[in-house]
PDB file of N, CA and C in Angstrom:
ATOM      1  N   UNK A   1      23.942  11.865   4.244  1.00  0.00           N
ATOM      2  CA  UNK A   1      23.828  10.556   3.641  1.00  0.00           C
ATOM      3  C   UNK A   1      24.900  10.412   2.563  1.00  0.00           C
ATOM      4  N   UNK A   2      25.521   9.258   2.536  1.00  0.00           N
ATOM      5  CA  UNK A   2      26.543   8.959   1.550  1.00  0.00           C
ATOM      6  C   UNK A   2      25.875   8.357   0.310  1.00  0.00           C
ATOM      7  N   UNK A   3      26.083   8.978  -0.847  1.00  0.00           N
ATOM      8  CA  UNK A   3      25.501   8.499  -2.101  1.00  0.00           C
ATOM      9  C   UNK A   3      26.629   8.029  -3.012  1.00  0.00           C
ATOM     10  N   UNK A   4      26.571   6.754  -3.385  1.00  0.00           N
ATOM     11  CA  UNK A   4      27.590   6.170  -4.259  1.00  0.00           C
ATOM     12  C   UNK A   4      26.933   5.829  -5.596  1.00  0.00           C
ATOM     13  N   UNK A   5      27.451   6.417  -6.682  1.00  0.00           N
ATOM     14  CA  UNK A   5      26.867   6.209  -8.010  1.00  0.00           C
ATOM     15  C   UNK A   5      27.861   5.459  -8.887  1.00  0.00           C
ATOM     16  N   UNK A   6      27.404   4.328  -9.439  1.00  0.00           N
ATOM     17  CA  UNK A   6      28.229   3.518 -10.348  1.00  0.00           C
ATOM     18  C   UNK A   6      27.558   3.490 -11.713  1.00  0.00           C
ATOM     19  N   UNK A   7      28.288   3.864 -12.738  1.00  0.00           N
ATOM     20  CA  UNK A   7      27.758   3.753 -14.089  1.00  0.00           C
ATOM     21  C   UNK A   7      28.526   2.647 -14.804  1.00  0.00           C
ATOM     22  N   UNK A   8      27.788   1.744 -15.430  1.00  0.00           N
ATOM     23  CA  UNK A   8      28.372   0.567 -16.060  1.00  0.00           C
ATOM     24  C   UNK A   8      28.625   0.846 -17.540  1.00  0.00           C
ATOM     25  N   UNK A   9      29.864   0.739 -17.967  1.00  0.00           N
ATOM     26  CA  UNK A   9      30.307   0.884 -19.354  1.00  0.00           C
ATOM     27  C   UNK A   9      30.121   2.276 -19.947  1.00  0.00           C
ATOM     28  N   UNK A  10      29.974   3.301 -19.124  1.00  0.00           N
ATOM     29  CA  UNK A  10      29.952   4.677 -19.614  1.00  0.00           C
ATOM     30  C   UNK A  10      30.238   5.611 -18.447  1.00  0.00           C
ATOM     31  N   UNK A  11      30.560   6.853 -18.754  1.00  0.00           N
ATOM     32  CA  UNK A  11      30.838   7.872 -17.738  1.00  0.00           C
ATOM     33  C   UNK A  11      29.599   8.738 -17.572  1.00  0.00           C
ATOM     34  N   UNK A  12      29.041   8.753 -16.379  1.00  0.00           N
ATOM     35  CA  UNK A  12      27.838   9.540 -16.106  1.00  0.00           C
ATOM     36  C   UNK A  12      28.186  11.019 -16.045  1.00  0.00           C
ATOM     37  N   UNK A  13      27.310  11.834 -16.574  1.00  0.00           N
ATOM     38  CA  UNK A  13      27.456  13.285 -16.563  1.00  0.00           C
ATOM     39  C   UNK A  13      27.328  13.798 -15.124  1.00  0.00           C
ATOM     40  N   UNK A  14      28.074  14.831 -14.791  1.00  0.00           N
ATOM     41  CA  UNK A  14      28.012  15.375 -13.427  1.00  0.00           C
ATOM     42  C   UNK A  14      26.628  15.953 -13.115  1.00  0.00           C
ATOM     43  N   UNK A  15      25.923  16.465 -14.129  1.00  0.00           N
ATOM     44  CA  UNK A  15      24.558  16.968 -13.921  1.00  0.00           C
ATOM     45  C   UNK A  15      23.632  15.839 -13.479  1.00  0.00           C
ATOM     46  N   UNK A  16      23.781  14.673 -14.109  1.00  0.00           N
ATOM     47  CA  UNK A  16      22.968  13.513 -13.753  1.00  0.00           C
ATOM     48  C   UNK A  16      23.284  13.065 -12.327  1.00  0.00           C
ATOM     49  N   UNK A  17      24.560  13.008 -11.978  1.00  0.00           N
ATOM     50  CA  UNK A  17      24.953  12.608 -10.630  1.00  0.00           C
ATOM     51  C   UNK A  17      24.435  13.597  -9.588  1.00  0.00           C
ATOM     52  N   UNK A  18      24.516  14.890  -9.883  1.00  0.00           N
ATOM     53  CA  UNK A  18      23.998  15.911  -8.961  1.00  0.00           C
ATOM     54  C   UNK A  18      22.488  15.794  -8.799  1.00  0.00           C
ATOM     55  N   UNK A  19      21.801  15.519  -9.908  1.00  0.00           N
ATOM     56  CA  UNK A  19      20.346  15.360  -9.892  1.00  0.00           C
ATOM     57  C   UNK A  19      19.942  14.208  -8.969  1.00  0.00           C
ATOM     58  N   UNK A  20      20.596  13.063  -9.144  1.00  0.00           N
ATOM     59  CA  UNK A  20      20.273  11.876  -8.343  1.00  0.00           C
ATOM     60  C   UNK A  20      20.629  12.107  -6.874  1.00  0.00           C
ATOM     61  N   UNK A  21      21.778  12.691  -6.616  1.00  0.00           N
ATOM     62  CA  UNK A  21      22.214  12.955  -5.244  1.00  0.00           C
ATOM     63  C   UNK A  21      21.247  13.887  -4.531  1.00  0.00           C
ATOM     64  N   UNK A  22      20.817  14.946  -5.196  1.00  0.00           N
ATOM     65  CA  UNK A  22      19.886  15.905  -4.585  1.00  0.00           C
ATOM     66  C   UNK A  22      18.558  15.231  -4.244  1.00  0.00           C
ATOM     67  N   UNK A  23      18.055  14.414  -5.163  1.00  0.00           N
ATOM     68  CA  UNK A  23      16.782  13.718  -4.922  1.00  0.00           C
ATOM     69  C   UNK A  23      16.900  12.737  -3.752  1.00  0.00           C
ATOM     70  N   UNK A  24      18.018  12.008  -3.685  1.00  0.00           N
ATOM     71  CA  UNK A  24      18.188  11.029  -2.614  1.00  0.00           C
ATOM     72  C   UNK A  24      18.384  11.707  -1.259  1.00  0.00           C
ATOM     73  N   UNK A  25      19.061  12.838  -1.238  1.00  0.00           N
ATOM     74  CA  UNK A  25      19.277  13.536   0.033  1.00  0.00           C
ATOM     75  C   UNK A  25      17.962  14.039   0.617  1.00  0.00           C
ATOM     76  N   UNK A  26      16.971  14.304  -0.219  1.00  0.00           N
ATOM     77  CA  UNK A  26      15.644  14.707   0.278  1.00  0.00           C
ATOM     78  C   UNK A  26      14.993  13.585   1.087  1.00  0.00           C
ATOM     79  N   UNK A  27      15.332  12.336   0.762  1.00  0.00           N
ATOM     80  CA  UNK A  27      14.795  11.209   1.523  1.00  0.00           C
ATOM     81  C   UNK A  27      15.319  11.212   2.951  1.00  0.00           C
ATOM     82  N   UNK A  28      16.504  11.784   3.147  1.00  0.00           N
ATOM     83  CA  UNK A  28      17.079  11.884   4.487  1.00  0.00           C
ATOM     84  C   UNK A  28      16.220  12.719   5.416  1.00  0.00           C
ATOM     85  N   UNK A  29      15.480  13.690   4.868  1.00  0.00           N
ATOM     86  CA  UNK A  29      14.565  14.497   5.671  1.00  0.00           C
ATOM     87  C   UNK A  29      13.344  13.697   6.097  1.00  0.00           C
ATOM     88  N   UNK A  30      13.021  12.671   5.322  1.00  0.00           N
ATOM     89  CA  UNK A  30      11.849  11.847   5.594  1.00  0.00           C
ATOM     90  C   UNK A  30      12.120  10.808   6.687  1.00  0.00           C
ATOM     91  N   UNK A  31      13.355  10.303   6.727  1.00  0.00           N
ATOM     92  CA  UNK A  31      13.695   9.219   7.652  1.00  0.00           C
ATOM     93  C   UNK A  31      15.137   9.388   8.108  1.00  0.00           C
ATOM     94  N   UNK A  32      15.358   9.363   9.416  1.00  0.00           N
ATOM     95  CA  UNK A  32      16.688   9.626   9.973  1.00  0.00           C
ATOM     96  C   UNK A  32      17.630   8.423   9.927  1.00  0.00           C
ATOM     97  N   UNK A  33      17.103   7.208   9.783  1.00  0.00           N
ATOM     98  CA  UNK A  33      17.931   6.011   9.871  1.00  0.00           C
ATOM     99  C   UNK A  33      18.637   5.603   8.595  1.00  0.00           C
ATOM    100  N   UNK A  34      18.696   6.488   7.599  1.00  0.00           N
ATOM    101  CA  UNK A  34      19.346   6.145   6.340  1.00  0.00           C
ATOM    102  C   UNK A  34      20.865   6.295   6.489  1.00  0.00           C
ATOM    103  N   UNK A  35      21.581   5.221   6.233  1.00  0.00           N
ATOM    104  CA  UNK A  35      23.034   5.223   6.329  1.00  0.00           C
ATOM    105  C   UNK A  35      23.648   5.751   5.027  1.00  0.00           C
ATOM    106  N   UNK A  36      23.149   5.269   3.919  1.00  0.00           N
ATOM    107  CA  UNK A  36      23.682   5.675   2.625  1.00  0.00           C
ATOM    108  C   UNK A  36      22.868   5.057   1.503  1.00  0.00           C
ATOM    109  N   UNK A  37      23.337   5.254   0.288  1.00  0.00           N
ATOM    110  CA  UNK A  37      22.653   4.673  -0.859  1.00  0.00           C
ATOM    111  C   UNK A  37      23.651   4.328  -1.955  1.00  0.00           C
ATOM    112  N   UNK A  38      23.289   3.308  -2.729  1.00  0.00           N
ATOM    113  CA  UNK A  38      24.088   2.886  -3.867  1.00  0.00           C
ATOM    114  C   UNK A  38      23.193   2.951  -5.098  1.00  0.00           C
ATOM    115  N   UNK A  39      23.684   3.610  -6.135  1.00  0.00           N
ATOM    116  CA  UNK A  39      22.914   3.779  -7.363  1.00  0.00           C
ATOM    117  C   UNK A  39      23.697   3.163  -8.515  1.00  0.00           C
ATOM    118  N   UNK A  40      23.021   2.321  -9.282  1.00  0.00           N
ATOM    119  CA  UNK A  40      23.629   1.724 -10.465  1.00  0.00           C
ATOM    120  C   UNK A  40      22.950   2.244 -11.714  1.00  0.00           C
ATOM    121  N   UNK A  41      23.724   2.730 -12.665  1.00  0.00           N
ATOM    122  CA  UNK A  41      23.203   3.225 -13.943  1.00  0.00           C
ATOM    123  C   UNK A  41      23.676   2.287 -15.045  1.00  0.00           C
ATOM    124  N   UNK A  42      22.731   1.780 -15.843  1.00  0.00           N
ATOM    125  CA  UNK A  42      23.075   0.833 -16.897  1.00  0.00           C
ATOM    126  C   UNK A  42      22.366   1.199 -18.190  1.00  0.00           C
ATOM    127  N   UNK A  43      23.007   0.861 -19.301  1.00  0.00           N
ATOM    128  CA  UNK A  43      22.392   0.961 -20.620  1.00  0.00           C
ATOM    129  C   UNK A  43      22.129  -0.449 -21.115  1.00  0.00           C
ATOM    130  N   UNK A  44      20.895  -0.738 -21.470  1.00  0.00           N
ATOM    131  CA  UNK A  44      20.557  -2.057 -21.972  1.00  0.00           C
ATOM    132  C   UNK A  44      20.791  -2.080 -23.480  1.00  0.00           C
ATOM    133  N   UNK A  45      21.385  -3.138 -23.991  1.00  0.00           N
ATOM    134  CA  UNK A  45      21.683  -3.235 -25.423  1.00  0.00           C
ATOM    135  C   UNK A  45      20.477  -3.756 -26.199  1.00  0.00           C
ATOM    136  N   UNK A  46      19.501  -2.879 -26.382  1.00  0.00           N
ATOM    137  CA  UNK A  46      18.335  -3.233 -27.197  1.00  0.00           C
ATOM    138  C   UNK A  46      18.007  -2.056 -28.104  1.00  0.00           C
ATOM    139  N   UNK A  47      17.144  -2.294 -29.061  1.00  0.00           N
ATOM    140  CA  UNK A  47      16.706  -1.229 -29.959  1.00  0.00           C
ATOM    141  C   UNK A  47      15.577  -0.412 -29.348  1.00  0.00           C
ATOM    142  N   UNK A  48      15.040  -0.857 -28.223  1.00  0.00           N
ATOM    143  CA  UNK A  48      13.940  -0.139 -27.565  1.00  0.00           C
ATOM    144  C   UNK A  48      14.431   1.214 -27.056  1.00  0.00           C
ATOM    145  N   UNK A  49      13.537   2.209 -27.081  1.00  0.00           N
ATOM    146  CA  UNK A  49      13.895   3.544 -26.601  1.00  0.00           C
ATOM    147  C   UNK A  49      14.061   3.561 -25.088  1.00  0.00           C
ATOM    148  N   UNK A  50      13.332   2.710 -24.395  1.00  0.00           N
ATOM    149  CA  UNK A  50      13.416   2.653 -22.935  1.00  0.00           C
ATOM    150  C   UNK A  50      14.538   1.691 -22.543  1.00  0.00           C
ATOM    151  N   UNK A  51      15.781   2.142 -22.718  1.00  0.00           N
ATOM    152  CA  UNK A  51      16.917   1.251 -22.453  1.00  0.00           C
ATOM    153  C   UNK A  51      17.808   1.737 -21.314  1.00  0.00           C
ATOM    154  N   UNK A  52      17.374   2.774 -20.577  1.00  0.00           N
ATOM    155  CA  UNK A  52      18.158   3.272 -19.448  1.00  0.00           C
ATOM    156  C   UNK A  52      17.609   2.660 -18.160  1.00  0.00           C
ATOM    157  N   UNK A  53      18.490   2.041 -17.383  1.00  0.00           N
ATOM    158  CA  UNK A  53      18.081   1.362 -16.145  1.00  0.00           C
ATOM    159  C   UNK A  53      18.764   2.014 -14.956  1.00  0.00           C
ATOM    160  N   UNK A  54      17.978   2.299 -13.917  1.00  0.00           N
ATOM    161  CA  UNK A  54      18.507   2.848 -12.670  1.00  0.00           C
ATOM    162  C   UNK A  54      18.124   1.900 -11.538  1.00  0.00           C
ATOM    163  N   UNK A  55      19.131   1.451 -10.798  1.00  0.00           N
ATOM    164  CA  UNK A  55      18.916   0.617  -9.613  1.00  0.00           C
ATOM    165  C   UNK A  55      19.325   1.421  -8.389  1.00  0.00           C
ATOM    166  N   UNK A  56      18.441   1.496  -7.413  1.00  0.00           N
ATOM    167  CA  UNK A  56      18.749   2.221  -6.178  1.00  0.00           C
ATOM    168  C   UNK A  56      18.636   1.269  -5.008  1.00  0.00           C
ATOM    169  N   UNK A  57      19.666   1.255  -4.194  1.00  0.00           N
ATOM    170  CA  UNK A  57      19.678   0.463  -2.959  1.00  0.00           C
ATOM    171  C   UNK A  57      19.879   1.441  -1.817  1.00  0.00           C
ATOM    172  N   UNK A  58      18.875   1.550  -0.965  1.00  0.00           N
ATOM    173  CA  UNK A  58      18.922   2.464   0.172  1.00  0.00           C
ATOM    174  C   UNK A  58      19.319   1.658   1.397  1.00  0.00           C
ATOM    175  N   UNK A  59      20.412   2.054   2.030  1.00  0.00           N
ATOM    176  CA  UNK A  59      20.955   1.310   3.161  1.00  0.00           C
ATOM    177  C   UNK A  59      20.418   1.884   4.465  1.00  0.00           C
ATOM    178  N   UNK A  60      19.654   1.067   5.179  1.00  0.00           N
ATOM    179  CA  UNK A  60      19.141   1.432   6.493  1.00  0.00           C
ATOM    180  C   UNK A  60      19.828   0.552   7.518  1.00  0.00           C
ATOM    181  N   UNK A  61      19.763   0.940   8.768  1.00  0.00           N
ATOM    182  CA  UNK A  61      20.381   0.115   9.803  1.00  0.00           C
ATOM    183  C   UNK A  61      19.605  -1.200   9.931  1.00  0.00           C
ATOM    184  N   UNK A  62      20.264  -2.296   9.554  1.00  0.00           N
ATOM    185  CA  UNK A  62      19.662  -3.621   9.654  1.00  0.00           C
ATOM    186  C   UNK A  62      18.698  -3.958   8.543  1.00  0.00           C
ATOM    187  N   UNK A  63      18.569  -3.117   7.542  1.00  0.00           N
ATOM    188  CA  UNK A  63      17.560  -3.334   6.515  1.00  0.00           C
ATOM    189  C   UNK A  63      17.960  -2.560   5.261  1.00  0.00           C
ATOM    190  N   UNK A  64      17.697  -3.088   4.084  1.00  0.00           N
ATOM    191  CA  UNK A  64      17.960  -2.394   2.828  1.00  0.00           C
ATOM    192  C   UNK A  64      16.676  -2.322   2.003  1.00  0.00           C
ATOM    193  N   UNK A  65      16.515  -1.234   1.273  1.00  0.00           N
ATOM    194  CA  UNK A  65      15.401  -1.074   0.351  1.00  0.00           C
ATOM    195  C   UNK A  65      15.969  -1.027  -1.058  1.00  0.00           C
ATOM    196  N   UNK A  66      15.251  -1.608  -2.020  1.00  0.00           N
ATOM    197  CA  UNK A  66      15.776  -1.710  -3.375  1.00  0.00           C
ATOM    198  C   UNK A  66      14.684  -1.396  -4.381  1.00  0.00           C
ATOM    199  N   UNK A  67      15.049  -0.671  -5.438  1.00  0.00           N
ATOM    200  CA  UNK A  67      14.125  -0.403  -6.537  1.00  0.00           C
ATOM    201  C   UNK A  67      14.914  -0.336  -7.834  1.00  0.00           C
ATOM    202  N   UNK A  68      14.344  -0.917  -8.883  1.00  0.00           N
ATOM    203  CA  UNK A  68      14.938  -0.878 -10.213  1.00  0.00           C
ATOM    204  C   UNK A  68      13.880  -0.397 -11.196  1.00  0.00           C
ATOM    205  N   UNK A  69      14.225   0.626 -11.968  1.00  0.00           N
ATOM    206  CA  UNK A  69      13.281   1.163 -12.950  1.00  0.00           C
ATOM    207  C   UNK A  69      13.979   1.372 -14.280  1.00  0.00           C
ATOM    208  N   UNK A  70      13.189   1.286 -15.352  1.00  0.00           N
ATOM    209  CA  UNK A  70      13.703   1.443 -16.701  1.00  0.00           C
ATOM    210  C   UNK A  70      12.861   2.491 -17.425  1.00  0.00           C
ATOM    211  N   UNK A  71      13.523   3.398 -18.166  1.00  0.00           N
ATOM    212  CA  UNK A  71      12.807   4.468 -18.858  1.00  0.00           C
ATOM    213  C   UNK A  71      13.624   4.970 -20.049  1.00  0.00           C
ATOM    214  N   UNK A  72      13.089   6.001 -20.727  1.00  0.00           N
ATOM    215  CA  UNK A  72      13.768   6.585 -21.889  1.00  0.00           C
ATOM    216  C   UNK A  72      14.996   7.389 -21.482  1.00  0.00           C
ATOM    217  N   UNK A  73      14.939   8.040 -20.318  1.00  0.00           N
ATOM    218  CA  UNK A  73      16.067   8.834 -19.834  1.00  0.00           C
ATOM    219  C   UNK A  73      16.446   8.378 -18.430  1.00  0.00           C
ATOM    220  N   UNK A  74      17.689   8.642 -18.057  1.00  0.00           N
ATOM    221  CA  UNK A  74      18.131   8.292 -16.713  1.00  0.00           C
ATOM    222  C   UNK A  74      17.392   9.113 -15.663  1.00  0.00           C
ATOM    223  N   UNK A  75      17.079  10.366 -15.978  1.00  0.00           N
ATOM    224  CA  UNK A  75      16.369  11.224 -15.022  1.00  0.00           C
ATOM    225  C   UNK A  75      14.986  10.665 -14.713  1.00  0.00           C
ATOM    226  N   UNK A  76      14.275  10.230 -15.760  1.00  0.00           N
ATOM    227  CA  UNK A  76      12.944   9.665 -15.579  1.00  0.00           C
ATOM    228  C   UNK A  76      13.002   8.356 -14.788  1.00  0.00           C
ATOM    229  N   UNK A  77      13.961   7.499 -15.125  1.00  0.00           N
ATOM    230  CA  UNK A  77      14.122   6.232 -14.416  1.00  0.00           C
ATOM    231  C   UNK A  77      14.507   6.486 -12.957  1.00  0.00           C
ATOM    232  N   UNK A  78      15.372   7.477 -12.713  1.00  0.00           N
ATOM    233  CA  UNK A  78      15.775   7.807 -11.346  1.00  0.00           C
ATOM    234  C   UNK A  78      14.583   8.320 -10.548  1.00  0.00           C
ATOM    235  N   UNK A  79      13.774   9.186 -11.152  1.00  0.00           N
ATOM    236  CA  UNK A  79      12.568   9.685 -10.476  1.00  0.00           C
ATOM    237  C   UNK A  79      11.646   8.535 -10.076  1.00  0.00           C
ATOM    238  N   UNK A  80      11.421   7.607 -11.013  1.00  0.00           N
ATOM    239  CA  UNK A  80      10.548   6.458 -10.740  1.00  0.00           C
ATOM    240  C   UNK A  80      11.121   5.584  -9.630  1.00  0.00           C
ATOM    241  N   UNK A  81      12.420   5.322  -9.680  1.00  0.00           N
ATOM    242  CA  UNK A  81      13.058   4.468  -8.670  1.00  0.00           C
ATOM    243  C   UNK A  81      13.044   5.136  -7.295  1.00  0.00           C
ATOM    244  N   UNK A  82      13.312   6.438  -7.250  1.00  0.00           N
ATOM    245  CA  UNK A  82      13.297   7.159  -5.971  1.00  0.00           C
ATOM    246  C   UNK A  82      11.896   7.189  -5.400  1.00  0.00           C
ATOM    247  N   UNK A  83      10.894   7.343  -6.263  1.00  0.00           N
ATOM    248  CA  UNK A  83       9.503   7.317  -5.817  1.00  0.00           C
ATOM    249  C   UNK A  83       9.156   5.950  -5.212  1.00  0.00           C
ATOM    250  N   UNK A  84       9.617   4.884  -5.851  1.00  0.00           N
ATOM    251  CA  UNK A  84       9.367   3.533  -5.340  1.00  0.00           C
ATOM    252  C   UNK A  84      10.057   3.323  -3.992  1.00  0.00           C
ATOM    253  N   UNK A  85      11.289   3.804  -3.864  1.00  0.00           N
ATOM    254  CA  UNK A  85      12.016   3.664  -2.598  1.00  0.00           C
ATOM    255  C   UNK A  85      11.349   4.502  -1.512  1.00  0.00           C
ATOM    256  N   UNK A  86      10.838   5.677  -1.872  1.00  0.00           N
ATOM    257  CA  UNK A  86      10.142   6.537  -0.908  1.00  0.00           C
ATOM    258  C   UNK A  86       8.910   5.817  -0.341  1.00  0.00           C
ATOM    259  N   UNK A  87       8.153   5.135  -1.212  1.00  0.00           N
ATOM    260  CA  UNK A  87       6.979   4.386  -0.752  1.00  0.00           C
ATOM    261  C   UNK A  87       7.397   3.281   0.223  1.00  0.00           C
ATOM    262  N   UNK A  88       8.470   2.569  -0.113  1.00  0.00           N
ATOM    263  CA  UNK A  88       8.963   1.511   0.771  1.00  0.00           C
ATOM    264  C   UNK A  88       9.423   2.082   2.107  1.00  0.00           C
ATOM    265  N   UNK A  89      10.047   3.242   2.055  1.00  0.00           N
ATOM    266  CA  UNK A  89      10.556   3.899   3.261  1.00  0.00           C
ATOM    267  C   UNK A  89       9.410   4.318   4.176  1.00  0.00           C
ATOM    268  N   UNK A  90       8.354   4.837   3.587  1.00  0.00           N
ATOM    269  CA  UNK A  90       7.178   5.239   4.375  1.00  0.00           C
ATOM    270  C   UNK A  90       6.542   4.021   5.028  1.00  0.00           C
ATOM    271  N   UNK A  91       6.424   2.902   4.279  1.00  0.00           N
ATOM    272  CA  UNK A  91       5.883   1.674   4.852  1.00  0.00           C
ATOM    273  C   UNK A  91       6.747   1.177   6.002  1.00  0.00           C
ATOM    274  N   UNK A  92       8.056   1.226   5.813  1.00  0.00           N
ATOM    275  CA  UNK A  92       9.003   0.791   6.852  1.00  0.00           C
ATOM    276  C   UNK A  92       8.867   1.646   8.101  1.00  0.00           C
ATOM    277  N   UNK A  93       8.734   2.941   7.901  1.00  0.00           N
ATOM    278  CA  UNK A  93       8.604   3.880   9.013  1.00  0.00           C
ATOM    279  C   UNK A  93       7.309   3.623   9.800  1.00  0.00           C
ATOM    280  N   UNK A  94       6.215   3.351   9.069  1.00  0.00           N
ATOM    281  CA  UNK A  94       4.929   3.066   9.721  1.00  0.00           C
ATOM    282  C   UNK A  94       4.968   1.766  10.496  1.00  0.00           C
ATOM    283  N   UNK A  95       5.676   0.755   9.969  1.00  0.00           N
ATOM    284  CA  UNK A  95       5.789  -0.527  10.666  1.00  0.00           C
ATOM    285  C   UNK A  95       6.556  -0.356  11.979  1.00  0.00           C
ATOM    286  N   UNK A  96       7.571   0.513  11.981  1.00  0.00           N
ATOM    287  CA  UNK A  96       8.358   0.722  13.189  1.00  0.00           C
ATOM    288  C   UNK A  96       7.539   1.414  14.271  1.00  0.00           C
ATOM    289  N   UNK A  97       6.587   2.250  13.874  1.00  0.00           N
ATOM    290  CA  UNK A  97       5.758   2.945  14.841  1.00  0.00           C
ATOM    291  C   UNK A  97       4.825   2.005  15.585  1.00  0.00           C
ATOM    292  N   UNK A  98       4.448   0.908  14.931  1.00  0.00           N
ATOM    293  CA  UNK A  98       3.483  -0.027  15.529  1.00  0.00           C
ATOM    294  C   UNK A  98       4.083  -0.858  16.621  1.00  0.00           C
TER     295      UNK A  98
END
């Protein structure tokens, strides 16, 4: 699976990119029709501690799944977003079986 990570207005650490890539590649074991994924990392300009935003777009053949999560750290937001995409992927897989 091709994983494309874009960080807006900052340079993402290679550890963070490796973390996200490893988590997303595990989804490939769950479903074979994944073409690739696009991940957006953003910092929101607020005083709130939960200002890290992760957007994940999972590219499937003829269909895309999307999740956006916000948390205190990028790792936590990525975990939440990947979990949300995993749920959508399971629903999509079950619908195809019917």
